PDB file of all heavy atoms in Angstrom:
ATOM      1  N   PRO A   1     123.000 113.799 112.885  1.00  0.00           N
ATOM      2  CA  PRO A   1     123.883 114.442 111.897  1.00  0.00           C
ATOM      3  C   PRO A   1     125.370 114.020 111.935  1.00  0.00           C
ATOM      4  O   PRO A   1     126.211 114.623 111.281  1.00  0.00           O
ATOM      5  CB  PRO A   1     123.784 115.941 112.292  1.00  0.00           C
ATOM      6  CG  PRO A   1     123.561 115.889 113.779  1.00  0.00           C
ATOM      7  CD  PRO A   1     122.755 114.649 114.058  1.00  0.00           C
ATOM      8  N   ASN A   2     125.703 112.942 112.753  1.00  0.00           N
ATOM      9  CA  ASN A   2     127.074 112.502 112.821  1.00  0.00           C
ATOM     10  C   ASN A   2     127.358 111.591 111.594  1.00  0.00           C
ATOM     11  O   ASN A   2     127.366 110.379 111.706  1.00  0.00           O
ATOM     12  CB  ASN A   2     127.345 111.741 114.108  1.00  0.00           C
ATOM     13  CG  ASN A   2     128.825 111.388 114.311  1.00  0.00           C
ATOM     14  OD1 ASN A   2     129.602 111.414 113.382  1.00  0.00           O
ATOM     15  ND2 ASN A   2     129.182 111.063 115.560  1.00  0.00           N
ATOM     16  N   TYR A   3     127.611 112.207 110.463  1.00  0.00           N
ATOM     17  CA  TYR A   3     127.820 111.481 109.209  1.00  0.00           C
ATOM     18  C   TYR A   3     129.177 110.768 109.167  1.00  0.00           C
ATOM     19  O   TYR A   3     129.324 109.825 108.376  1.00  0.00           O
ATOM     20  CB  TYR A   3     127.730 112.458 108.027  1.00  0.00           C
ATOM     21  CG  TYR A   3     126.363 113.096 107.901  1.00  0.00           C
ATOM     22  CD1 TYR A   3     126.209 114.458 108.189  1.00  0.00           C
ATOM     23  CD2 TYR A   3     125.222 112.379 107.543  1.00  0.00           C
ATOM     24  CE1 TYR A   3     124.980 115.089 108.118  1.00  0.00           C
ATOM     25  CE2 TYR A   3     123.997 113.000 107.455  1.00  0.00           C
ATOM     26  CZ  TYR A   3     123.892 114.360 107.722  1.00  0.00           C
ATOM     27  OH  TYR A   3     122.644 114.991 107.657  1.00  0.00           O
ATOM     28  N   THR A   4     130.116 111.216 109.956  1.00  0.00           N
ATOM     29  CA  THR A   4     131.466 110.606 109.981  1.00  0.00           C
ATOM     30  C   THR A   4     131.518 109.348 110.837  1.00  0.00           C
ATOM     31  O   THR A   4     132.456 108.554 110.756  1.00  0.00           O
ATOM     32  CB  THR A   4     132.505 111.554 110.466  1.00  0.00           C
ATOM     33  OG1 THR A   4     132.209 111.933 111.820  1.00  0.00           O
ATOM     34  CG2 THR A   4     132.578 112.817 109.612  1.00  0.00           C
ATOM     35  N   HIS A   5     130.540 109.181 111.762  1.00  0.00           N
ATOM     36  CA  HIS A   5     130.553 108.113 112.785  1.00  0.00           C
ATOM     37  C   HIS A   5     131.789 108.257 113.666  1.00  0.00           C
ATOM     38  O   HIS A   5     132.320 107.276 114.167  1.00  0.00           O
ATOM     39  CB  HIS A   5     130.459 106.718 112.149  1.00  0.00           C
ATOM     40  CG  HIS A   5     129.052 106.336 111.777  1.00  0.00           C
ATOM     41  ND1 HIS A   5     128.637 105.052 111.716  1.00  0.00           N
ATOM     42  CD2 HIS A   5     127.947 107.097 111.424  1.00  0.00           C
ATOM     43  CE1 HIS A   5     127.325 105.005 111.360  1.00  0.00           C
ATOM     44  NE2 HIS A   5     126.952 106.260 111.180  1.00  0.00           N
ATOM     45  N   PHE A   6     132.192 109.508 113.893  1.00  0.00           N
ATOM     46  CA  PHE A   6     133.271 109.827 114.839  1.00  0.00           C
ATOM     47  C   PHE A   6     132.795 109.427 116.259  1.00  0.00           C
ATOM     48  O   PHE A   6     131.683 109.760 116.646  1.00  0.00           O
ATOM     49  CB  PHE A   6     133.643 111.272 114.775  1.00  0.00           C
ATOM     50  CG  PHE A   6     134.622 111.704 115.793  1.00  0.00           C
ATOM     51  CD1 PHE A   6     135.996 111.444 115.622  1.00  0.00           C
ATOM     52  CD2 PHE A   6     134.207 112.383 116.939  1.00  0.00           C
ATOM     53  CE1 PHE A   6     136.896 111.874 116.591  1.00  0.00           C
ATOM     54  CE2 PHE A   6     135.143 112.817 117.895  1.00  0.00           C
ATOM     55  CZ  PHE A   6     136.470 112.590 117.719  1.00  0.00           C
ATOM     56  N   LYS A   7     133.665 108.754 117.044  1.00  0.00           N
ATOM     57  CA  LYS A   7     133.325 108.399 118.396  1.00  0.00           C
ATOM     58  C   LYS A   7     134.526 108.567 119.277  1.00  0.00           C
ATOM     59  O   LYS A   7     135.617 108.066 119.004  1.00  0.00           O
ATOM     60  CB  LYS A   7     132.821 106.921 118.441  1.00  0.00           C
ATOM     61  CG  LYS A   7     132.335 106.524 119.840  1.00  0.00           C
ATOM     62  CD  LYS A   7     131.738 105.130 119.801  1.00  0.00           C
ATOM     63  CE  LYS A   7     131.155 104.757 121.171  1.00  0.00           C
ATOM     64  NZ  LYS A   7     130.513 103.428 121.165  1.00  0.00           N
ATOM     65  N   ASN A   8     134.315 109.330 120.375  1.00  0.00           N
ATOM     66  CA  ASN A   8     135.415 109.584 121.330  1.00  0.00           C
ATOM     67  C   ASN A   8     134.777 109.782 122.705  1.00  0.00           C
ATOM     68  O   ASN A   8     133.933 110.691 122.868  1.00  0.00           O
ATOM     69  CB  ASN A   8     136.234 110.820 120.868  1.00  0.00           C
ATOM     70  CG  ASN A   8     137.388 111.137 121.773  1.00  0.00           C
ATOM     71  OD1 ASN A   8     137.205 111.632 122.894  1.00  0.00           O
ATOM     72  ND2 ASN A   8     138.601 110.867 121.296  1.00  0.00           N
ATOM     73  N   GLU A   9     135.178 109.003 123.678  1.00  0.00           N
ATOM     74  CA  GLU A   9     134.508 109.037 125.000  1.00  0.00           C
ATOM     75  C   GLU A   9     134.736 110.412 125.661  1.00  0.00           C
ATOM     76  O   GLU A   9     133.776 110.921 126.308  1.00  0.00           O
ATOM     77  CB  GLU A   9     135.077 107.904 125.867  1.00  0.00           C
ATOM     78  CG  GLU A   9     134.605 106.499 125.462  1.00  0.00           C
ATOM     79  CD  GLU A   9     135.051 105.427 126.430  1.00  0.00           C
ATOM     80  OE1 GLU A   9     135.672 105.803 127.476  1.00  0.00           O
ATOM     81  OE2 GLU A   9     134.807 104.267 126.118  1.00  0.00           O
ATOM     82  N   LEU A  10     135.942 110.956 125.566  1.00  0.00           N
ATOM     83  CA  LEU A  10     136.176 112.267 126.212  1.00  0.00           C
ATOM     84  C   LEU A  10     135.314 113.359 125.516  1.00  0.00           C
ATOM     85  O   LEU A  10     134.775 114.192 126.215  1.00  0.00           O
ATOM     86  CB  LEU A  10     137.670 112.645 126.100  1.00  0.00           C
ATOM     87  CG  LEU A  10     138.033 114.067 126.631  1.00  0.00           C
ATOM     88  CD1 LEU A  10     137.616 114.190 128.104  1.00  0.00           C
ATOM     89  CD2 LEU A  10     139.539 114.266 126.464  1.00  0.00           C
ATOM     90  N   TYR A  11     135.222 113.246 124.218  1.00  0.00           N
ATOM     91  CA  TYR A  11     134.398 114.222 123.483  1.00  0.00           C
ATOM     92  C   TYR A  11     132.952 114.136 123.940  1.00  0.00           C
ATOM     93  O   TYR A  11     132.308 115.176 124.235  1.00  0.00           O
ATOM     94  CB  TYR A  11     134.476 113.945 121.975  1.00  0.00           C
ATOM     95  CG  TYR A  11     133.748 114.975 121.148  1.00  0.00           C
ATOM     96  CD1 TYR A  11     134.396 116.068 120.616  1.00  0.00           C
ATOM     97  CD2 TYR A  11     132.354 114.869 120.923  1.00  0.00           C
ATOM     98  CE1 TYR A  11     133.716 117.004 119.865  1.00  0.00           C
ATOM     99  CE2 TYR A  11     131.691 115.800 120.179  1.00  0.00           C
ATOM    100  CZ  TYR A  11     132.360 116.845 119.628  1.00  0.00           C
ATOM    101  OH  TYR A  11     131.695 117.811 118.893  1.00  0.00           O
ATOM    102  N   ASP A  12     132.424 112.929 124.043  1.00  0.00           N
ATOM    103  CA  ASP A  12     131.052 112.735 124.490  1.00  0.00           C
ATOM    104  C   ASP A  12     130.800 113.348 125.860  1.00  0.00           C
ATOM    105  O   ASP A  12     129.762 113.957 126.143  1.00  0.00           O
ATOM    106  CB  ASP A  12     130.654 111.265 124.472  1.00  0.00           C
ATOM    107  CG  ASP A  12     130.457 110.734 123.070  1.00  0.00           C
ATOM    108  OD1 ASP A  12     130.513 111.516 122.117  1.00  0.00           O
ATOM    109  OD2 ASP A  12     130.313 109.487 122.922  1.00  0.00           O
ATOM    110  N   ALA A  13     131.778 113.134 126.772  1.00  0.00           N
ATOM    111  CA  ALA A  13     131.640 113.653 128.130  1.00  0.00           C
ATOM    112  C   ALA A  13     131.645 115.173 128.155  1.00  0.00           C
ATOM    113  O   ALA A  13     130.833 115.800 128.845  1.00  0.00           O
ATOM    114  CB  ALA A  13     132.767 113.107 129.000  1.00  0.00           C
ATOM    115  N   LEU A  14     132.501 115.805 127.351  1.00  0.00           N
ATOM    116  CA  LEU A  14     132.562 117.243 127.270  1.00  0.00           C
ATOM    117  C   LEU A  14     131.296 117.803 126.607  1.00  0.00           C
ATOM    118  O   LEU A  14     130.796 118.878 127.009  1.00  0.00           O
ATOM    119  CB  LEU A  14     133.799 117.667 126.449  1.00  0.00           C
ATOM    120  CG  LEU A  14     135.152 117.366 127.103  1.00  0.00           C
ATOM    121  CD1 LEU A  14     136.264 117.680 126.095  1.00  0.00           C
ATOM    122  CD2 LEU A  14     135.352 118.156 128.379  1.00  0.00           C
ATOM    123  N   TYR A  15     130.791 117.111 125.637  1.00  0.00           N
ATOM    124  CA  TYR A  15     129.582 117.561 124.937  1.00  0.00           C
ATOM    125  C   TYR A  15     128.387 117.579 125.930  1.00  0.00           C
ATOM    126  O   TYR A  15     127.645 118.537 125.981  1.00  0.00           O
ATOM    127  CB  TYR A  15     129.281 116.585 123.800  1.00  0.00           C
ATOM    128  CG  TYR A  15     128.060 116.950 122.948  1.00  0.00           C
ATOM    129  CD1 TYR A  15     128.142 117.984 122.029  1.00  0.00           C
ATOM    130  CD2 TYR A  15     126.846 116.266 123.130  1.00  0.00           C
ATOM    131  CE1 TYR A  15     127.044 118.341 121.252  1.00  0.00           C
ATOM    132  CE2 TYR A  15     125.742 116.646 122.319  1.00  0.00           C
ATOM    133  CZ  TYR A  15     125.839 117.653 121.423  1.00  0.00           C
ATOM    134  OH  TYR A  15     124.754 117.999 120.651  1.00  0.00           O
ATOM    135  N   LYS A  16     128.249 116.517 126.714  1.00  0.00           N
ATOM    136  CA  LYS A  16     127.182 116.495 127.736  1.00  0.00           C
ATOM    137  C   LYS A  16     127.350 117.592 128.781  1.00  0.00           C
ATOM    138  O   LYS A  16     126.402 118.243 129.202  1.00  0.00           O
ATOM    139  CB  LYS A  16     127.157 115.141 128.428  1.00  0.00           C
ATOM    140  CG  LYS A  16     126.681 113.981 127.522  1.00  0.00           C
ATOM    141  CD  LYS A  16     126.755 112.657 128.258  1.00  0.00           C
ATOM    142  CE  LYS A  16     126.347 111.495 127.338  1.00  0.00           C
ATOM    143  NZ  LYS A  16     126.480 110.211 128.075  1.00  0.00           N
ATOM    144  N   GLN A  17     128.646 117.821 129.170  1.00  0.00           N
ATOM    145  CA  GLN A  17     128.945 118.866 130.162  1.00  0.00           C
ATOM    146  C   GLN A  17     128.571 120.242 129.645  1.00  0.00           C
ATOM    147  O   GLN A  17     128.115 121.094 130.428  1.00  0.00           O
ATOM    148  CB  GLN A  17     130.430 118.799 130.500  1.00  0.00           C
ATOM    149  CG  GLN A  17     130.842 119.767 131.606  1.00  0.00           C
ATOM    150  CD  GLN A  17     132.346 119.732 131.865  1.00  0.00           C
ATOM    151  OE1 GLN A  17     133.047 118.759 131.473  1.00  0.00           O
ATOM    152  NE2 GLN A  17     132.885 120.750 132.511  1.00  0.00           N
ATOM    153  N   SER A  18     128.726 120.481 128.347  1.00  0.00           N
ATOM    154  CA  SER A  18     128.439 121.765 127.806  1.00  0.00           C
ATOM    155  C   SER A  18     126.966 122.207 127.942  1.00  0.00           C
ATOM    156  O   SER A  18     126.663 123.380 127.955  1.00  0.00           O
ATOM    157  CB  SER A  18     128.875 121.841 126.315  1.00  0.00           C
ATOM    158  OG  SER A  18     128.007 121.082 125.510  1.00  0.00           O
ATOM    159  N   PHE A  19     126.084 121.209 128.031  1.00  0.00           N
ATOM    160  CA  PHE A  19     124.654 121.521 128.182  1.00  0.00           C
ATOM    161  C   PHE A  19     124.296 122.011 129.555  1.00  0.00           C
ATOM    162  O   PHE A  19     123.302 122.740 129.737  1.00  0.00           O
ATOM    163  CB  PHE A  19     123.822 120.281 127.854  1.00  0.00           C
ATOM    164  CG  PHE A  19     123.659 120.035 126.380  1.00  0.00           C
ATOM    165  CD1 PHE A  19     124.539 119.160 125.721  1.00  0.00           C
ATOM    166  CD2 PHE A  19     122.705 120.650 125.638  1.00  0.00           C
ATOM    167  CE1 PHE A  19     124.413 118.932 124.357  1.00  0.00           C
ATOM    168  CE2 PHE A  19     122.562 120.428 124.284  1.00  0.00           C
ATOM    169  CZ  PHE A  19     123.404 119.564 123.654  1.00  0.00           C
ATOM    170  N   THR A  20     125.128 121.680 130.530  1.00  0.00           N
ATOM    171  CA  THR A  20     124.810 122.069 131.926  1.00  0.00           C
ATOM    172  C   THR A  20     125.690 123.220 132.404  1.00  0.00           C
ATOM    173  O   THR A  20     125.440 123.743 133.488  1.00  0.00           O
ATOM    174  CB  THR A  20     124.990 120.857 132.862  1.00  0.00           C
ATOM    175  OG1 THR A  20     126.311 120.338 132.754  1.00  0.00           O
ATOM    176  CG2 THR A  20     124.016 119.759 132.513  1.00  0.00           C
ATOM    177  N   GLU A  21     126.672 123.613 131.624  1.00  0.00           N
ATOM    178  CA  GLU A  21     127.583 124.693 132.026  1.00  0.00           C
ATOM    179  C   GLU A  21     126.905 126.044 131.722  1.00  0.00           C
ATOM    180  O   GLU A  21     126.665 126.371 130.580  1.00  0.00           O
ATOM    181  CB  GLU A  21     128.917 124.586 131.233  1.00  0.00           C
ATOM    182  CG  GLU A  21     129.895 125.710 131.597  1.00  0.00           C
ATOM    183  CD  GLU A  21     130.178 125.780 133.099  1.00  0.00           C
ATOM    184  OE1 GLU A  21     130.836 124.845 133.614  1.00  0.00           O
ATOM    185  OE2 GLU A  21     129.728 126.772 133.718  1.00  0.00           O
ATOM    186  N   THR A  22     126.590 126.760 132.798  1.00  0.00           N
ATOM    187  CA  THR A  22     125.875 128.022 132.612  1.00  0.00           C
ATOM    188  C   THR A  22     126.824 129.231 132.497  1.00  0.00           C
ATOM    189  O   THR A  22     126.413 130.342 132.133  1.00  0.00           O
ATOM    190  CB  THR A  22     124.899 128.287 133.794  1.00  0.00           C
ATOM    191  OG1 THR A  22     125.636 128.196 135.002  1.00  0.00           O
ATOM    192  CG2 THR A  22     123.813 127.212 133.793  1.00  0.00           C
ATOM    193  N   ASN A  23     128.075 129.041 132.897  1.00  0.00           N
ATOM    194  CA  ASN A  23     129.095 130.108 132.761  1.00  0.00           C
ATOM    195  C   ASN A  23     129.546 130.208 131.299  1.00  0.00           C
ATOM    196  O   ASN A  23     130.105 129.247 130.753  1.00  0.00           O
ATOM    197  CB  ASN A  23     130.291 129.813 133.662  1.00  0.00           C
ATOM    198  CG  ASN A  23     131.324 130.933 133.625  1.00  0.00           C
ATOM    199  OD1 ASN A  23     132.009 131.086 132.623  1.00  0.00           O
ATOM    200  ND2 ASN A  23     131.398 131.705 134.689  1.00  0.00           N
ATOM    201  N   THR A  24     129.276 131.326 130.677  1.00  0.00           N
ATOM    202  CA  THR A  24     129.522 131.491 129.226  1.00  0.00           C
ATOM    203  C   THR A  24     130.971 131.239 128.852  1.00  0.00           C
ATOM    204  O   THR A  24     131.264 130.501 127.868  1.00  0.00           O
ATOM    205  CB  THR A  24     129.085 132.897 128.762  1.00  0.00           C
ATOM    206  OG1 THR A  24     127.729 133.066 129.066  1.00  0.00           O
ATOM    207  CG2 THR A  24     129.304 133.033 127.261  1.00  0.00           C
ATOM    208  N   LYS A  25     131.902 131.817 129.605  1.00  0.00           N
ATOM    209  CA  LYS A  25     133.346 131.674 129.259  1.00  0.00           C
ATOM    210  C   LYS A  25     133.785 130.212 129.407  1.00  0.00           C
ATOM    211  O   LYS A  25     134.495 129.692 128.543  1.00  0.00           O
ATOM    212  CB  LYS A  25     134.169 132.541 130.166  1.00  0.00           C
ATOM    213  CG  LYS A  25     134.037 134.061 129.879  1.00  0.00           C
ATOM    214  CD  LYS A  25     134.962 134.879 130.756  1.00  0.00           C
ATOM    215  CE  LYS A  25     134.833 136.366 130.420  1.00  0.00           C
ATOM    216  NZ  LYS A  25     135.730 137.216 131.242  1.00  0.00           N
ATOM    217  N   LYS A  26     133.319 129.511 130.404  1.00  0.00           N
ATOM    218  CA  LYS A  26     133.672 128.108 130.616  1.00  0.00           C
ATOM    219  C   LYS A  26     133.081 127.251 129.507  1.00  0.00           C
ATOM    220  O   LYS A  26     133.683 126.288 129.025  1.00  0.00           O
ATOM    221  CB  LYS A  26     133.209 127.622 131.969  1.00  0.00           C
ATOM    222  CG  LYS A  26     134.002 128.209 133.151  1.00  0.00           C
ATOM    223  CD  LYS A  26     133.499 127.671 134.450  1.00  0.00           C
ATOM    224  CE  LYS A  26     134.299 128.221 135.642  1.00  0.00           C
ATOM    225  NZ  LYS A  26     133.828 127.731 136.950  1.00  0.00           N
ATOM    226  N   ARG A  27     131.836 127.583 129.065  1.00  0.00           N
ATOM    227  CA  ARG A  27     131.203 126.841 128.021  1.00  0.00           C
ATOM    228  C   ARG A  27     131.928 126.995 126.680  1.00  0.00           C
ATOM    229  O   ARG A  27     132.121 126.032 125.940  1.00  0.00           O
ATOM    230  CB  ARG A  27     129.743 127.241 127.881  1.00  0.00           C
ATOM    231  CG  ARG A  27     128.894 126.298 126.996  1.00  0.00           C
ATOM    232  CD  ARG A  27     127.437 126.577 127.049  1.00  0.00           C
ATOM    233  NE  ARG A  27     127.070 127.822 126.467  1.00  0.00           N
ATOM    234  CZ  ARG A  27     126.702 128.933 127.107  1.00  0.00           C
ATOM    235  NH1 ARG A  27     126.680 128.913 128.418  1.00  0.00           N
ATOM    236  NH2 ARG A  27     126.339 130.036 126.464  1.00  0.00           N
ATOM    237  N   VAL A  28     132.399 128.206 126.434  1.00  0.00           N
ATOM    238  CA  VAL A  28     133.167 128.472 125.201  1.00  0.00           C
ATOM    239  C   VAL A  28     134.504 127.684 125.188  1.00  0.00           C
ATOM    240  O   VAL A  28     134.911 127.178 124.157  1.00  0.00           O
ATOM    241  CB  VAL A  28     133.423 129.981 125.019  1.00  0.00           C
ATOM    242  CG1 VAL A  28     134.407 130.250 123.873  1.00  0.00           C
ATOM    243  CG2 VAL A  28     132.098 130.689 124.719  1.00  0.00           C
ATOM    244  N   LEU A  29     135.121 127.603 126.344  1.00  0.00           N
ATOM    245  CA  LEU A  29     136.348 126.836 126.455  1.00  0.00           C
ATOM    246  C   LEU A  29     136.068 125.350 126.203  1.00  0.00           C
ATOM    247  O   LEU A  29     136.904 124.676 125.539  1.00  0.00           O
ATOM    248  CB  LEU A  29     136.968 127.017 127.850  1.00  0.00           C
ATOM    249  CG  LEU A  29     137.593 128.362 128.145  1.00  0.00           C
ATOM    250  CD1 LEU A  29     138.069 128.426 129.629  1.00  0.00           C
ATOM    251  CD2 LEU A  29     138.805 128.603 127.216  1.00  0.00           C
ATOM    252  N   LEU A  30     134.944 124.851 126.612  1.00  0.00           N
ATOM    253  CA  LEU A  30     134.561 123.471 126.364  1.00  0.00           C
ATOM    254  C   LEU A  30     134.392 123.245 124.837  1.00  0.00           C
ATOM    255  O   LEU A  30     134.798 122.250 124.253  1.00  0.00           O
ATOM    256  CB  LEU A  30     133.273 123.085 127.083  1.00  0.00           C
ATOM    257  CG  LEU A  30     133.359 122.858 128.592  1.00  0.00           C
ATOM    258  CD1 LEU A  30     131.950 122.688 129.193  1.00  0.00           C
ATOM    259  CD2 LEU A  30     134.217 121.640 128.911  1.00  0.00           C
ATOM    260  N   TYR A  31     133.754 124.232 124.191  1.00  0.00           N
ATOM    261  CA  TYR A  31     133.542 124.169 122.748  1.00  0.00           C
ATOM    262  C   TYR A  31     134.906 124.066 122.023  1.00  0.00           C
ATOM    263  O   TYR A  31     135.054 123.189 121.116  1.00  0.00           O
ATOM    264  CB  TYR A  31     132.802 125.412 122.262  1.00  0.00           C
ATOM    265  CG  TYR A  31     131.364 125.518 122.692  1.00  0.00           C
ATOM    266  CD1 TYR A  31     130.684 126.738 122.504  1.00  0.00           C
ATOM    267  CD2 TYR A  31     130.659 124.464 123.216  1.00  0.00           C
ATOM    268  CE1 TYR A  31     129.346 126.889 122.876  1.00  0.00           C
ATOM    269  CE2 TYR A  31     129.339 124.594 123.591  1.00  0.00           C
ATOM    270  CZ  TYR A  31     128.694 125.811 123.420  1.00  0.00           C
ATOM    271  OH  TYR A  31     127.392 125.943 123.788  1.00  0.00           O
ATOM    272  N   THR A  32     135.850 124.887 122.373  1.00  0.00           N
ATOM    273  CA  THR A  32     137.146 124.881 121.742  1.00  0.00           C
ATOM    274  C   THR A  32     137.894 123.558 121.981  1.00  0.00           C
ATOM    275  O   THR A  32     138.526 123.027 121.068  1.00  0.00           O
ATOM    276  CB  THR A  32     137.992 126.075 122.235  1.00  0.00           C
ATOM    277  OG1 THR A  32     137.315 127.312 122.023  1.00  0.00           O
ATOM    278  CG2 THR A  32     139.354 126.129 121.526  1.00  0.00           C
ATOM    279  N   LYS A  33     137.776 123.076 123.185  1.00  0.00           N
ATOM    280  CA  LYS A  33     138.408 121.785 123.523  1.00  0.00           C
ATOM    281  C   LYS A  33     137.860 120.651 122.682  1.00  0.00           C
ATOM    282  O   LYS A  33     138.547 119.819 122.175  1.00  0.00           O
ATOM    283  CB  LYS A  33     138.287 121.515 124.995  1.00  0.00           C
ATOM    284  CG  LYS A  33     139.151 120.334 125.516  1.00  0.00           C
ATOM    285  CD  LYS A  33     139.118 120.224 127.024  1.00  0.00           C
ATOM    286  CE  LYS A  33     140.064 119.104 127.509  1.00  0.00           C
ATOM    287  NZ  LYS A  33     140.032 119.002 129.012  1.00  0.00           N
ATOM    288  N   MET A  34     136.527 120.637 122.548  1.00  0.00           N
ATOM    289  CA  MET A  34     135.888 119.614 121.741  1.00  0.00           C
ATOM    290  C   MET A  34     136.302 119.727 120.250  1.00  0.00           C
ATOM    291  O   MET A  34     136.635 118.730 119.588  1.00  0.00           O
ATOM    292  CB  MET A  34     134.367 119.747 121.817  1.00  0.00           C
ATOM    293  CG  MET A  34     133.773 119.151 123.102  1.00  0.00           C
ATOM    294  SD  MET A  34     131.961 119.157 123.083  1.00  0.00           S
ATOM    295  CE  MET A  34     131.632 120.838 123.572  1.00  0.00           C
ATOM    296  N   ASP A  35     136.350 120.964 119.737  1.00  0.00           N
ATOM    297  CA  ASP A  35     136.747 121.167 118.372  1.00  0.00           C
ATOM    298  C   ASP A  35     138.188 120.733 118.151  1.00  0.00           C
ATOM    299  O   ASP A  35     138.524 120.113 117.125  1.00  0.00           O
ATOM    300  CB  ASP A  35     136.596 122.648 118.033  1.00  0.00           C
ATOM    301  CG  ASP A  35     136.423 122.878 116.517  1.00  0.00           C
ATOM    302  OD1 ASP A  35     136.191 121.921 115.802  1.00  0.00           O
ATOM    303  OD2 ASP A  35     136.482 124.054 116.102  1.00  0.00           O
ATOM    304  N   SER A  36     139.028 120.970 119.136  1.00  0.00           N
ATOM    305  CA  SER A  36     140.443 120.560 119.077  1.00  0.00           C
ATOM    306  C   SER A  36     140.556 119.069 119.052  1.00  0.00           C
ATOM    307  O   SER A  36     141.404 118.480 118.313  1.00  0.00           O
ATOM    308  CB  SER A  36     141.176 121.142 120.254  1.00  0.00           C
ATOM    309  OG  SER A  36     142.545 120.777 120.185  1.00  0.00           O
ATOM    310  N   LEU A  37     139.745 118.374 119.799  1.00  0.00           N
ATOM    311  CA  LEU A  37     139.722 116.890 119.834  1.00  0.00           C
ATOM    312  C   LEU A  37     139.371 116.334 118.435  1.00  0.00           C
ATOM    313  O   LEU A  37     139.980 115.388 117.965  1.00  0.00           O
ATOM    314  CB  LEU A  37     138.695 116.359 120.844  1.00  0.00           C
ATOM    315  CG  LEU A  37     139.208 116.109 122.263  1.00  0.00           C
ATOM    316  CD1 LEU A  37     138.035 115.749 123.161  1.00  0.00           C
ATOM    317  CD2 LEU A  37     140.228 114.968 122.287  1.00  0.00           C
ATOM    318  N   VAL A  38     138.361 116.939 117.818  1.00  0.00           N
ATOM    319  CA  VAL A  38     137.962 116.502 116.478  1.00  0.00           C
ATOM    320  C   VAL A  38     139.136 116.701 115.514  1.00  0.00           C
ATOM    321  O   VAL A  38     139.472 115.773 114.748  1.00  0.00           O
ATOM    322  CB  VAL A  38     136.740 117.316 115.955  1.00  0.00           C
ATOM    323  CG1 VAL A  38     136.457 117.044 114.502  1.00  0.00           C
ATOM    324  CG2 VAL A  38     135.520 116.986 116.790  1.00  0.00           C
ATOM    325  N   MET A  39     139.762 117.845 115.508  1.00  0.00           N
ATOM    326  CA  MET A  39     140.862 118.118 114.573  1.00  0.00           C
ATOM    327  C   MET A  39     142.083 117.183 114.864  1.00  0.00           C
ATOM    328  O   MET A  39     142.801 116.836 113.922  1.00  0.00           O
ATOM    329  CB  MET A  39     141.283 119.565 114.637  1.00  0.00           C
ATOM    330  CG  MET A  39     140.199 120.535 114.173  1.00  0.00           C
ATOM    331  SD  MET A  39     139.450 120.090 112.605  1.00  0.00           S
ATOM    332  CE  MET A  39     140.865 120.131 111.498  1.00  0.00           C
ATOM    333  N   SER A  40     142.282 116.801 116.078  1.00  0.00           N
ATOM    334  CA  SER A  40     143.434 115.963 116.403  1.00  0.00           C
ATOM    335  C   SER A  40     143.232 114.519 115.831  1.00  0.00           C
ATOM    336  O   SER A  40     144.152 113.833 115.492  1.00  0.00           O
ATOM    337  CB  SER A  40     143.686 115.889 117.891  1.00  0.00           C
ATOM    338  OG  SER A  40     142.625 115.225 118.565  1.00  0.00           O
TER     339      SER A  40
END
């Protein structure tokens, strides 16, 4: 579903990390950080 072909190494690393983060608050912070990277 990546229709924009957006590519960012830090984003990819955070995305992978979010799958293994079991702490809900920490995972939500990762989500916000990734979203912020996209908007920047």
